[in-house]
Amino acid sequence: LSCAASGDSVGSHCTGWFRQAPGKDREGVAFIDGRGITTYDASVKGRF
């Protein structure tokens, strides 16, 4: 998956991905902060 940003630098923000399946809440998947440190949901760690 790709995410193209405009209007500001992605490195200046906490950015990442959520996902939502039908009938379920939107859940966090993976994120990266301004320092480049990443955080993954346990369900995807090692795969994403």
All heavy atoms as atom14 arrays in JSON, in Angstrom:
{
  "sequence": "LSCAASGDSVGSHCTGWFRQAPGKDREGVAFIDGRGITTYDASVKGRF",
  "atom14_mask": [
    [1, 1, 1, 1, 1, 1, 1, 1, 0, 0, 0, 0, 0, 0],
    [1, 1, 1, 1, 1, 1, 0, 0, 0, 0, 0, 0, 0, 0],
    [1, 1, 1, 1, 1, 1, 0, 0, 0, 0, 0, 0, 0, 0],
    [1, 1, 1, 1, 1, 0, 0, 0, 0, 0, 0, 0, 0, 0],
    [1, 1, 1, 1, 1, 0, 0, 0, 0, 0, 0, 0, 0, 0],
    [1, 1, 1, 1, 1, 1, 0, 0, 0, 0, 0, 0, 0, 0],
    [1, 1, 1, 1, 0, 0, 0, 0, 0, 0, 0, 0, 0, 0],
    [1, 1, 1, 1, 1, 1, 1, 1, 0, 0, 0, 0, 0, 0],
    [1, 1, 1, 1, 1, 1, 0, 0, 0, 0, 0, 0, 0, 0],
    [1, 1, 1, 1, 1, 1, 1, 0, 0, 0, 0, 0, 0, 0],
    [1, 1, 1, 1, 0, 0, 0, 0, 0, 0, 0, 0, 0, 0],
    [1, 1, 1, 1, 1, 1, 0, 0, 0, 0, 0, 0, 0, 0],
    [1, 1, 1, 1, 1, 1, 1, 1, 1, 1, 0, 0, 0, 0],
    [1, 1, 1, 1, 1, 1, 0, 0, 0, 0, 0, 0, 0, 0],
    [1, 1, 1, 1, 1, 1, 1, 0, 0, 0, 0, 0, 0, 0],
    [1, 1, 1, 1, 0, 0, 0, 0, 0, 0, 0, 0, 0, 0],
    [1, 1, 1, 1, 1, 1, 1, 1, 1, 1, 1, 1, 1, 1],
    [1, 1, 1, 1, 1, 1, 1, 1, 1, 1, 1, 0, 0, 0],
    [1, 1, 1, 1, 1, 1, 1, 1, 1, 1, 1, 0, 0, 0],
    [1, 1, 1, 1, 1, 1, 1, 1, 1, 0, 0, 0, 0, 0],
    [1, 1, 1, 1, 1, 0, 0, 0, 0, 0, 0, 0, 0, 0],
    [1, 1, 1, 1, 1, 1, 1, 0, 0, 0, 0, 0, 0, 0],
    [1, 1, 1, 1, 0, 0, 0, 0, 0, 0, 0, 0, 0, 0],
    [1, 1, 1, 1, 1, 1, 1, 1, 1, 0, 0, 0, 0, 0],
    [1, 1, 1, 1, 1, 1, 1, 1, 0, 0, 0, 0, 0, 0],
    [1, 1, 1, 1, 1, 1, 1, 1, 1, 1, 1, 0, 0, 0],
    [1, 1, 1, 1, 1, 1, 1, 1, 1, 0, 0, 0, 0, 0],
    [1, 1, 1, 1, 0, 0, 0, 0, 0, 0, 0, 0, 0, 0],
    [1, 1, 1, 1, 1, 1, 1, 0, 0, 0, 0, 0, 0, 0],
    [1, 1, 1, 1, 1, 0, 0, 0, 0, 0, 0, 0, 0, 0],
    [1, 1, 1, 1, 1, 1, 1, 1, 1, 1, 1, 0, 0, 0],
    [1, 1, 1, 1, 1, 1, 1, 1, 0, 0, 0, 0, 0, 0],
    [1, 1, 1, 1, 1, 1, 1, 1, 0, 0, 0, 0, 0, 0],
    [1, 1, 1, 1, 0, 0, 0, 0, 0, 0, 0, 0, 0, 0],
    [1, 1, 1, 1, 1, 1, 1, 1, 1, 1, 1, 0, 0, 0],
    [1, 1, 1, 1, 0, 0, 0, 0, 0, 0, 0, 0, 0, 0],
    [1, 1, 1, 1, 1, 1, 1, 1, 0, 0, 0, 0, 0, 0],
    [1, 1, 1, 1, 1, 1, 1, 0, 0, 0, 0, 0, 0, 0],
    [1, 1, 1, 1, 1, 1, 1, 0, 0, 0, 0, 0, 0, 0],
    [1, 1, 1, 1, 1, 1, 1, 1, 1, 1, 1, 1, 0, 0],
    [1, 1, 1, 1, 1, 1, 1, 1, 0, 0, 0, 0, 0, 0],
    [1, 1, 1, 1, 1, 0, 0, 0, 0, 0, 0, 0, 0, 0],
    [1, 1, 1, 1, 1, 1, 0, 0, 0, 0, 0, 0, 0, 0],
    [1, 1, 1, 1, 1, 1, 1, 0, 0, 0, 0, 0, 0, 0],
    [1, 1, 1, 1, 1, 1, 1, 1, 1, 0, 0, 0, 0, 0],
    [1, 1, 1, 1, 0, 0, 0, 0, 0, 0, 0, 0, 0, 0],
    [1, 1, 1, 1, 1, 1, 1, 1, 1, 1, 1, 0, 0, 0],
    [1, 1, 1, 1, 1, 1, 1, 1, 1, 1, 1, 0, 0, 0]
  ],
  "atom14_positions": [
    [[0.83, -1.19, 0.0], [0.0, 0.0, 0.0], [0.87, 1.25, 0.0], [1.94, 1.26, 0.6], [-0.92, 0.02, 1.22], [-1.8, -1.2, 1.45], [-2.72, -0.96, 2.65], [-2.61, -1.54, 0.21], [0.0, 0.0, 0.0], [0.0, 0.0, 0.0], [0.0, 0.0, 0.0], [0.0, 0.0, 0.0], [0.0, 0.0, 0.0], [0.0, 0.0, 0.0]],
    [[0.38, 2.28, -0.65], [1.08, 3.55, -0.71], [0.2, 4.66, -0.19], [-1.03, 4.61, -0.31], [1.5, 3.87, -2.15], [2.38, 2.89, -2.66], [0.0, 0.0, 0.0], [0.0, 0.0, 0.0], [0.0, 0.0, 0.0], [0.0, 0.0, 0.0], [0.0, 0.0, 0.0], [0.0, 0.0, 0.0], [0.0, 0.0, 0.0], [0.0, 0.0, 0.0]],
    [[0.82, 5.67, 0.37], [0.12, 6.86, 0.86], [0.94, 8.07, 0.45], [2.03, 8.3, 0.97], [-0.05, 6.8, 2.37], [-0.8, 8.27, 3.1], [0.0, 0.0, 0.0], [0.0, 0.0, 0.0], [0.0, 0.0, 0.0], [0.0, 0.0, 0.0], [0.0, 0.0, 0.0], [0.0, 0.0, 0.0], [0.0, 0.0, 0.0], [0.0, 0.0, 0.0]],
    [[0.41, 8.83, -0.49], [1.07, 10.03, -0.98], [0.54, 11.25, -0.24], [-0.68, 11.47, -0.2], [0.85, 10.19, -2.47], [0.0, 0.0, 0.0], [0.0, 0.0, 0.0], [0.0, 0.0, 0.0], [0.0, 0.0, 0.0], [0.0, 0.0, 0.0], [0.0, 0.0, 0.0], [0.0, 0.0, 0.0], [0.0, 0.0, 0.0], [0.0, 0.0, 0.0]],
    [[1.43, 12.03, 0.34], [1.05, 13.2, 1.12], [1.39, 14.47, 0.36], [2.33, 14.52, -0.44], [1.75, 13.19, 2.47], [0.0, 0.0, 0.0], [0.0, 0.0, 0.0], [0.0, 0.0, 0.0], [0.0, 0.0, 0.0], [0.0, 0.0, 0.0], [0.0, 0.0, 0.0], [0.0, 0.0, 0.0], [0.0, 0.0, 0.0], [0.0, 0.0, 0.0]],
    [[0.63, 15.5, 0.66], [0.9, 16.83, 0.12], [0.45, 17.86, 1.14], [-0.33, 17.57, 2.05], [0.19, 17.05, -1.22], [-1.22, 16.94, -1.08], [0.0, 0.0, 0.0], [0.0, 0.0, 0.0], [0.0, 0.0, 0.0], [0.0, 0.0, 0.0], [0.0, 0.0, 0.0], [0.0, 0.0, 0.0], [0.0, 0.0, 0.0], [0.0, 0.0, 0.0]],
    [[0.96, 19.07, 1.01], [0.61, 20.13, 1.93], [1.54, 20.26, 3.12], [1.64, 21.34, 3.71], [0.0, 0.0, 0.0], [0.0, 0.0, 0.0], [0.0, 0.0, 0.0], [0.0, 0.0, 0.0], [0.0, 0.0, 0.0], [0.0, 0.0, 0.0], [0.0, 0.0, 0.0], [0.0, 0.0, 0.0], [0.0, 0.0, 0.0], [0.0, 0.0, 0.0]],
    [[2.21, 19.18, 3.48], [3.17, 19.17, 4.57], [4.02, 17.92, 4.46], [3.66, 16.98, 3.75], [2.46, 19.25, 5.93], [3.37, 19.79, 7.03], [4.51, 20.17, 6.74], [2.92, 19.83, 8.19], [0.0, 0.0, 0.0], [0.0, 0.0, 0.0], [0.0, 0.0, 0.0], [0.0, 0.0, 0.0], [0.0, 0.0, 0.0], [0.0, 0.0, 0.0]],
    [[5.11, 17.88, 5.19], [6.03, 16.76, 5.15], [5.56, 15.65, 6.08], [5.22, 15.9, 7.24], [7.43, 17.2, 5.55], [7.92, 18.2, 4.68], [0.0, 0.0, 0.0], [0.0, 0.0, 0.0], [0.0, 0.0, 0.0], [0.0, 0.0, 0.0], [0.0, 0.0, 0.0], [0.0, 0.0, 0.0], [0.0, 0.0, 0.0], [0.0, 0.0, 0.0]],
    [[5.59, 14.42, 5.57], [5.15, 13.29, 6.39], [6.06, 13.12, 7.6], [5.61, 12.64, 8.65], [5.09, 11.98, 5.57], [3.97, 12.04, 4.55], [6.43, 11.68, 4.9], [0.0, 0.0, 0.0], [0.0, 0.0, 0.0], [0.0, 0.0, 0.0], [0.0, 0.0, 0.0], [0.0, 0.0, 0.0], [0.0, 0.0, 0.0], [0.0, 0.0, 0.0]],
    [[7.31, 13.5, 7.48], [8.24, 13.39, 8.59], [7.93, 14.31, 9.75], [8.51, 14.14, 10.83], [0.0, 0.0, 0.0], [0.0, 0.0, 0.0], [0.0, 0.0, 0.0], [0.0, 0.0, 0.0], [0.0, 0.0, 0.0], [0.0, 0.0, 0.0], [0.0, 0.0, 0.0], [0.0, 0.0, 0.0], [0.0, 0.0, 0.0], [0.0, 0.0, 0.0]],
    [[7.05, 15.26, 9.55], [6.67, 16.2, 10.6], [5.48, 15.72, 11.42], [5.05, 16.41, 12.34], [6.34, 17.57, 10.0], [7.47, 18.1, 9.33], [0.0, 0.0, 0.0], [0.0, 0.0, 0.0], [0.0, 0.0, 0.0], [0.0, 0.0, 0.0], [0.0, 0.0, 0.0], [0.0, 0.0, 0.0], [0.0, 0.0, 0.0], [0.0, 0.0, 0.0]],
    [[4.94, 14.57, 11.09], [3.73, 14.06, 11.72], [3.89, 12.62, 12.17], [4.71, 11.87, 11.64], [2.56, 14.12, 10.74], [2.24, 15.49, 10.26], [1.25, 16.27, 10.84], [2.76, 16.22, 9.25], [1.2, 17.42, 10.2], [2.1, 17.43, 9.24], [0.0, 0.0, 0.0], [0.0, 0.0, 0.0], [0.0, 0.0, 0.0], [0.0, 0.0, 0.0]],
    [[3.08, 12.26, 13.14], [2.82, 10.85, 13.36], [1.88, 10.38, 12.26], [0.8, 10.95, 12.08], [2.17, 10.62, 14.73], [1.52, 8.95, 14.96], [0.0, 0.0, 0.0], [0.0, 0.0, 0.0], [0.0, 0.0, 0.0], [0.0, 0.0, 0.0], [0.0, 0.0, 0.0], [0.0, 0.0, 0.0], [0.0, 0.0, 0.0], [0.0, 0.0, 0.0]],
    [[2.28, 9.37, 11.53], [1.5, 8.87, 10.4], [1.43, 7.35, 10.46], [2.24, 6.69, 11.11], [2.11, 9.28, 9.06], [3.46, 8.81, 8.98], [2.11, 10.79, 8.9], [0.0, 0.0, 0.0], [0.0, 0.0, 0.0], [0.0, 0.0, 0.0], [0.0, 0.0, 0.0], [0.0, 0.0, 0.0], [0.0, 0.0, 0.0], [0.0, 0.0, 0.0]],
    [[0.46, 6.8, 9.76], [0.36, 5.35, 9.72], [-0.91, 4.88, 9.07], [-1.52, 5.59, 8.26], [0.0, 0.0, 0.0], [0.0, 0.0, 0.0], [0.0, 0.0, 0.0], [0.0, 0.0, 0.0], [0.0, 0.0, 0.0], [0.0, 0.0, 0.0], [0.0, 0.0, 0.0], [0.0, 0.0, 0.0], [0.0, 0.0, 0.0], [0.0, 0.0, 0.0]],
    [[-1.31, 3.67, 9.45], [-2.44, 3.0, 8.83], [-3.4, 2.44, 9.86], [-2.98, 1.83, 10.85], [-1.94, 1.86, 7.94], [-1.11, 2.3, 6.79], [0.23, 2.55, 6.79], [-1.57, 2.56, 5.46], [0.64, 2.94, 5.55], [-0.44, 2.96, 4.71], [-2.8, 2.49, 4.82], [-0.52, 3.29, 3.35], [-2.88, 2.82, 3.48], [-1.75, 3.21, 2.76]],
    [[-4.67, 2.65, 9.61], [-5.76, 1.96, 10.28], [-6.42, 1.01, 9.29], [-6.25, 1.14, 8.08], [-6.81, 2.95, 10.8], [-6.37, 3.8, 11.96], [-5.62, 4.95, 11.76], [-6.73, 3.46, 13.25], [-5.23, 5.74, 12.82], [-6.35, 4.24, 14.33], [-5.59, 5.38, 14.12], [0.0, 0.0, 0.0], [0.0, 0.0, 0.0], [0.0, 0.0, 0.0]],
    [[-7.23, 0.09, 9.8], [-8.04, -0.75, 8.94], [-9.38, -1.01, 9.6], [-9.5, -0.99, 10.83], [-7.34, -2.07, 8.6], [-7.14, -3.02, 9.78], [-6.36, -4.24, 9.33], [-6.14, -5.18, 10.42], [-5.4, -6.28, 10.32], [-4.8, -6.58, 9.18], [-5.25, -7.09, 11.38], [0.0, 0.0, 0.0], [0.0, 0.0, 0.0], [0.0, 0.0, 0.0]],
    [[-10.38, -1.27, 8.77], [-11.72, -1.52, 9.28], [-12.39, -2.58, 8.42], [-12.57, -2.39, 7.22], [-12.55, -0.23, 9.29], [-13.9, -0.39, 9.95], [-14.58, 0.94, 10.2], [-14.31, 1.92, 9.5], [-15.45, 0.99, 11.18], [0.0, 0.0, 0.0], [0.0, 0.0, 0.0], [0.0, 0.0, 0.0], [0.0, 0.0, 0.0], [0.0, 0.0, 0.0]],
    [[-12.76, -3.67, 9.06], [-13.52, -4.72, 8.41], [-15.01, -4.48, 8.65], [-15.39, -3.84, 9.64], [-13.12, -6.09, 8.95], [0.0, 0.0, 0.0], [0.0, 0.0, 0.0], [0.0, 0.0, 0.0], [0.0, 0.0, 0.0], [0.0, 0.0, 0.0], [0.0, 0.0, 0.0], [0.0, 0.0, 0.0], [0.0, 0.0, 0.0], [0.0, 0.0, 0.0]],
    [[-15.88, -4.99, 7.78], [-17.32, -4.8, 7.97], [-17.79, -5.27, 9.34], [-17.45, -6.38, 9.77], [-17.94, -5.63, 6.85], [-16.89, -5.66, 5.79], [-15.59, -5.72, 6.54], [0.0, 0.0, 0.0], [0.0, 0.0, 0.0], [0.0, 0.0, 0.0], [0.0, 0.0, 0.0], [0.0, 0.0, 0.0], [0.0, 0.0, 0.0], [0.0, 0.0, 0.0]],
    [[-18.55, -4.43, 10.02], [-19.08, -4.78, 11.32], [-18.11, -4.65, 12.48], [-18.47, -4.97, 13.61], [0.0, 0.0, 0.0], [0.0, 0.0, 0.0], [0.0, 0.0, 0.0], [0.0, 0.0, 0.0], [0.0, 0.0, 0.0], [0.0, 0.0, 0.0], [0.0, 0.0, 0.0], [0.0, 0.0, 0.0], [0.0, 0.0, 0.0], [0.0, 0.0, 0.0]],
    [[-16.89, -4.2, 12.22], [-15.89, -4.07, 13.26], [-15.42, -2.63, 13.39], [-15.59, -1.83, 12.47], [-14.68, -4.97, 12.98], [-14.98, -6.46, 13.05], [-13.71, -7.27, 12.94], [-13.98, -8.75, 13.12], [-12.72, -9.55, 13.05], [0.0, 0.0, 0.0], [0.0, 0.0, 0.0], [0.0, 0.0, 0.0], [0.0, 0.0, 0.0], [0.0, 0.0, 0.0]],
    [[-14.85, -2.31, 14.55], [-14.28, -0.99, 14.77], [-13.01, -0.8, 13.95], [-12.32, -1.76, 13.61], [-13.97, -0.78, 16.24], [-15.19, -0.71, 17.12], [-16.27, -0.35, 16.62], [-15.07, -1.02, 18.33], [0.0, 0.0, 0.0], [0.0, 0.0, 0.0], [0.0, 0.0, 0.0], [0.0, 0.0, 0.0], [0.0, 0.0, 0.0], [0.0, 0.0, 0.0]],
    [[-12.72, 0.45, 13.67], [-11.47, 0.77, 13.01], [-10.31, 0.56, 13.99], [-10.35, 1.05, 15.12], [-11.49, 2.21, 12.51], [-10.37, 2.56, 11.56], [-10.62, 3.9, 10.87], [-11.82, 3.87, 10.05], [-12.2, 4.87, 9.26], [-11.48, 5.98, 9.19], [-13.32, 4.76, 8.55], [0.0, 0.0, 0.0], [0.0, 0.0, 0.0], [0.0, 0.0, 0.0]],
    [[-9.29, -0.15, 13.57], [-8.18, -0.48, 14.45], [-6.85, -0.02, 13.86], [-6.66, -0.01, 12.65], [-8.13, -1.98, 14.74], [-7.88, -2.85, 13.51], [-7.8, -4.32, 13.83], [-8.0, -4.7, 15.0], [-7.53, -5.11, 12.91], [0.0, 0.0, 0.0], [0.0, 0.0, 0.0], [0.0, 0.0, 0.0], [0.0, 0.0, 0.0], [0.0, 0.0, 0.0]],
    [[-5.94, 0.35, 14.74], [-4.61, 0.76, 14.32], [-3.79, -0.42, 13.86], [-3.83, -1.5, 14.46], [0.0, 0.0, 0.0], [0.0, 0.0, 0.0], [0.0, 0.0, 0.0], [0.0, 0.0, 0.0], [0.0, 0.0, 0.0], [0.0, 0.0, 0.0], [0.0, 0.0, 0.0], [0.0, 0.0, 0.0], [0.0, 0.0, 0.0], [0.0, 0.0, 0.0]],
    [[-3.02, -0.23, 12.8], [-2.22, -1.29, 12.2], [-0.73, -1.04, 12.39], [0.0, -1.87, 12.93], [-2.53, -1.45, 10.71], [-1.64, -2.51, 10.08], [-4.0, -1.82, 10.51], [0.0, 0.0, 0.0], [0.0, 0.0, 0.0], [0.0, 0.0, 0.0], [0.0, 0.0, 0.0], [0.0, 0.0, 0.0], [0.0, 0.0, 0.0], [0.0, 0.0, 0.0]],
    [[-0.25, 0.11, 11.93], [1.17, 0.43, 11.98], [1.35, 1.93, 11.93], [0.63, 2.61, 11.19], [1.92, -0.24, 10.83], [0.0, 0.0, 0.0], [0.0, 0.0, 0.0], [0.0, 0.0, 0.0], [0.0, 0.0, 0.0], [0.0, 0.0, 0.0], [0.0, 0.0, 0.0], [0.0, 0.0, 0.0], [0.0, 0.0, 0.0], [0.0, 0.0, 0.0]],
    [[2.34, 2.44, 12.68], [2.53, 3.88, 12.78], [4.02, 4.21, 12.86], [4.83, 3.41, 13.32], [1.81, 4.45, 14.0], [0.34, 4.22, 13.95], [-0.21, 3.07, 14.48], [-0.5, 5.14, 13.35], [-1.57, 2.83, 14.41], [-1.86, 4.92, 13.28], [-2.39, 3.76, 13.81], [0.0, 0.0, 0.0], [0.0, 0.0, 0.0], [0.0, 0.0, 0.0]],
    [[4.34, 5.43, 12.43], [5.7, 5.91, 12.51], [5.67, 7.36, 12.98], [4.88, 8.17, 12.49], [6.42, 5.76, 11.14], [7.88, 6.19, 11.24], [5.68, 6.5, 10.04], [8.7, 5.78, 10.02], [0.0, 0.0, 0.0], [0.0, 0.0, 0.0], [0.0, 0.0, 0.0], [0.0, 0.0, 0.0], [0.0, 0.0, 0.0], [0.0, 0.0, 0.0]],
    [[6.53, 7.69, 13.96], [6.53, 9.03, 14.5], [7.57, 9.9, 13.8], [8.24, 9.48, 12.86], [6.71, 9.02, 16.02], [8.09, 8.54, 16.47], [9.0, 8.43, 15.63], [8.24, 8.29, 17.68], [0.0, 0.0, 0.0], [0.0, 0.0, 0.0], [0.0, 0.0, 0.0], [0.0, 0.0, 0.0], [0.0, 0.0, 0.0], [0.0, 0.0, 0.0]],
    [[7.69, 11.14, 14.28], [8.6, 12.07, 13.64], [10.05, 11.67, 13.69], [10.85, 12.15, 12.89], [0.0, 0.0, 0.0], [0.0, 0.0, 0.0], [0.0, 0.0, 0.0], [0.0, 0.0, 0.0], [0.0, 0.0, 0.0], [0.0, 0.0, 0.0], [0.0, 0.0, 0.0], [0.0, 0.0, 0.0], [0.0, 0.0, 0.0], [0.0, 0.0, 0.0]],
    [[10.41, 10.81, 14.64], [11.78, 10.31, 14.74], [12.03, 9.07, 13.89], [13.17, 8.61, 13.81], [12.12, 10.0, 16.19], [12.21, 11.23, 17.08], [12.66, 10.84, 18.49], [12.93, 12.0, 19.31], [13.37, 11.94, 20.55], [13.59, 10.76, 21.12], [13.6, 13.05, 21.23], [0.0, 0.0, 0.0], [0.0, 0.0, 0.0], [0.0, 0.0, 0.0]],
    [[10.98, 8.52, 13.29], [11.12, 7.32, 12.49], [10.91, 6.04, 13.26], [11.18, 4.96, 12.72], [0.0, 0.0, 0.0], [0.0, 0.0, 0.0], [0.0, 0.0, 0.0], [0.0, 0.0, 0.0], [0.0, 0.0, 0.0], [0.0, 0.0, 0.0], [0.0, 0.0, 0.0], [0.0, 0.0, 0.0], [0.0, 0.0, 0.0], [0.0, 0.0, 0.0]],
    [[10.44, 6.12, 14.49], [10.19, 4.94, 15.3], [8.83, 4.36, 14.93], [7.83, 5.08, 14.9], [10.25, 5.27, 16.79], [11.64, 5.81, 17.15], [9.91, 4.06, 17.64], [11.75, 6.36, 18.55], [0.0, 0.0, 0.0], [0.0, 0.0, 0.0], [0.0, 0.0, 0.0], [0.0, 0.0, 0.0], [0.0, 0.0, 0.0], [0.0, 0.0, 0.0]],
    [[8.78, 3.07, 14.67], [7.56, 2.41, 14.23], [6.91, 1.62, 15.35], [7.58, 1.13, 16.27], [7.84, 1.47, 13.05], [8.91, 0.58, 13.38], [8.21, 2.26, 11.81], [0.0, 0.0, 0.0], [0.0, 0.0, 0.0], [0.0, 0.0, 0.0], [0.0, 0.0, 0.0], [0.0, 0.0, 0.0], [0.0, 0.0, 0.0], [0.0, 0.0, 0.0]],
    [[5.6, 1.49, 15.25], [4.8, 0.7, 16.18], [3.83, -0.13, 15.36], [3.18, 0.38, 14.45], [4.03, 1.6, 17.15], [4.94, 2.42, 17.89], [3.23, 0.75, 18.13], [0.0, 0.0, 0.0], [0.0, 0.0, 0.0], [0.0, 0.0, 0.0], [0.0, 0.0, 0.0], [0.0, 0.0, 0.0], [0.0, 0.0, 0.0], [0.0, 0.0, 0.0]],
    [[3.72, -1.42, 15.69], [2.84, -2.33, 14.97], [1.86, -2.99, 15.91], [2.19, -3.31, 17.06], [3.64, -3.44, 14.27], [4.59, -2.95, 13.21], [5.91, -2.65, 13.53], [4.17, -2.81, 11.9], [6.78, -2.2, 12.56], [5.04, -2.37, 10.92], [6.34, -2.07, 11.25], [7.22, -1.63, 10.28], [0.0, 0.0, 0.0], [0.0, 0.0, 0.0]],
    [[0.66, -3.21, 15.41], [-0.27, -4.04, 16.14], [0.25, -5.47, 16.18], [0.88, -5.94, 15.21], [-1.65, -4.0, 15.48], [-2.69, -4.77, 16.27], [-3.17, -4.24, 17.29], [-3.01, -5.91, 15.87], [0.0, 0.0, 0.0], [0.0, 0.0, 0.0], [0.0, 0.0, 0.0], [0.0, 0.0, 0.0], [0.0, 0.0, 0.0], [0.0, 0.0, 0.0]],
    [[0.0, -6.17, 17.28], [0.52, -7.52, 17.43], [0.07, -8.46, 16.32], [0.78, -9.39, 15.96], [0.11, -8.08, 18.79], [0.0, 0.0, 0.0], [0.0, 0.0, 0.0], [0.0, 0.0, 0.0], [0.0, 0.0, 0.0], [0.0, 0.0, 0.0], [0.0, 0.0, 0.0], [0.0, 0.0, 0.0], [0.0, 0.0, 0.0], [0.0, 0.0, 0.0]],
    [[-1.11, -8.2, 15.77], [-1.65, -9.09, 14.75], [-0.89, -9.03, 13.43], [-1.01, -9.94, 12.61], [-3.12, -8.78, 14.5], [-3.28, -7.48, 13.95], [0.0, 0.0, 0.0], [0.0, 0.0, 0.0], [0.0, 0.0, 0.0], [0.0, 0.0, 0.0], [0.0, 0.0, 0.0], [0.0, 0.0, 0.0], [0.0, 0.0, 0.0], [0.0, 0.0, 0.0]],
    [[-0.11, -7.98, 13.22], [0.6, -7.82, 11.95], [2.12, -7.8, 12.12], [2.84, -7.85, 11.11], [0.16, -6.56, 11.21], [-1.35, -6.54, 11.03], [0.64, -5.3, 11.92], [0.0, 0.0, 0.0], [0.0, 0.0, 0.0], [0.0, 0.0, 0.0], [0.0, 0.0, 0.0], [0.0, 0.0, 0.0], [0.0, 0.0, 0.0], [0.0, 0.0, 0.0]],
    [[2.6, -7.73, 13.34], [4.04, -7.64, 13.56], [4.75, -8.87, 13.02], [4.34, -10.0, 13.26], [4.34, -7.47, 15.05], [5.75, -6.99, 15.33], [5.88, -6.43, 16.74], [7.21, -5.74, 16.93], [7.31, -5.07, 18.24], [0.0, 0.0, 0.0], [0.0, 0.0, 0.0], [0.0, 0.0, 0.0], [0.0, 0.0, 0.0], [0.0, 0.0, 0.0]],
    [[5.8, -8.64, 12.28], [6.53, -9.7, 11.62], [6.07, -9.98, 10.21], [6.79, -10.63, 9.45], [0.0, 0.0, 0.0], [0.0, 0.0, 0.0], [0.0, 0.0, 0.0], [0.0, 0.0, 0.0], [0.0, 0.0, 0.0], [0.0, 0.0, 0.0], [0.0, 0.0, 0.0], [0.0, 0.0, 0.0], [0.0, 0.0, 0.0], [0.0, 0.0, 0.0]],
    [[4.89, -9.5, 9.86], [4.35, -9.7, 8.52], [4.27, -8.39, 7.73], [4.46, -8.39, 6.51], [2.95, -10.32, 8.58], [2.91, -11.68, 9.25], [1.53, -12.32, 9.1], [0.48, -11.54, 9.75], [-0.58, -11.05, 9.13], [-0.76, -11.25, 7.83], [-1.49, -10.35, 9.81], [0.0, 0.0, 0.0], [0.0, 0.0, 0.0], [0.0, 0.0, 0.0]],
    [[3.96, -7.31, 8.41], [3.82, -6.0, 7.77], [5.03, -5.13, 8.11], [5.57, -5.2, 9.22], [2.57, -5.28, 8.25], [1.27, -5.88, 7.81], [1.2, -7.13, 7.2], [0.08, -5.18, 8.01], [-0.01, -7.68, 6.81], [-1.13, -5.71, 7.62], [-1.18, -6.96, 7.02], [0.0, 0.0, 0.0], [0.0, 0.0, 0.0], [0.0, 0.0, 0.0]]
  ]
}
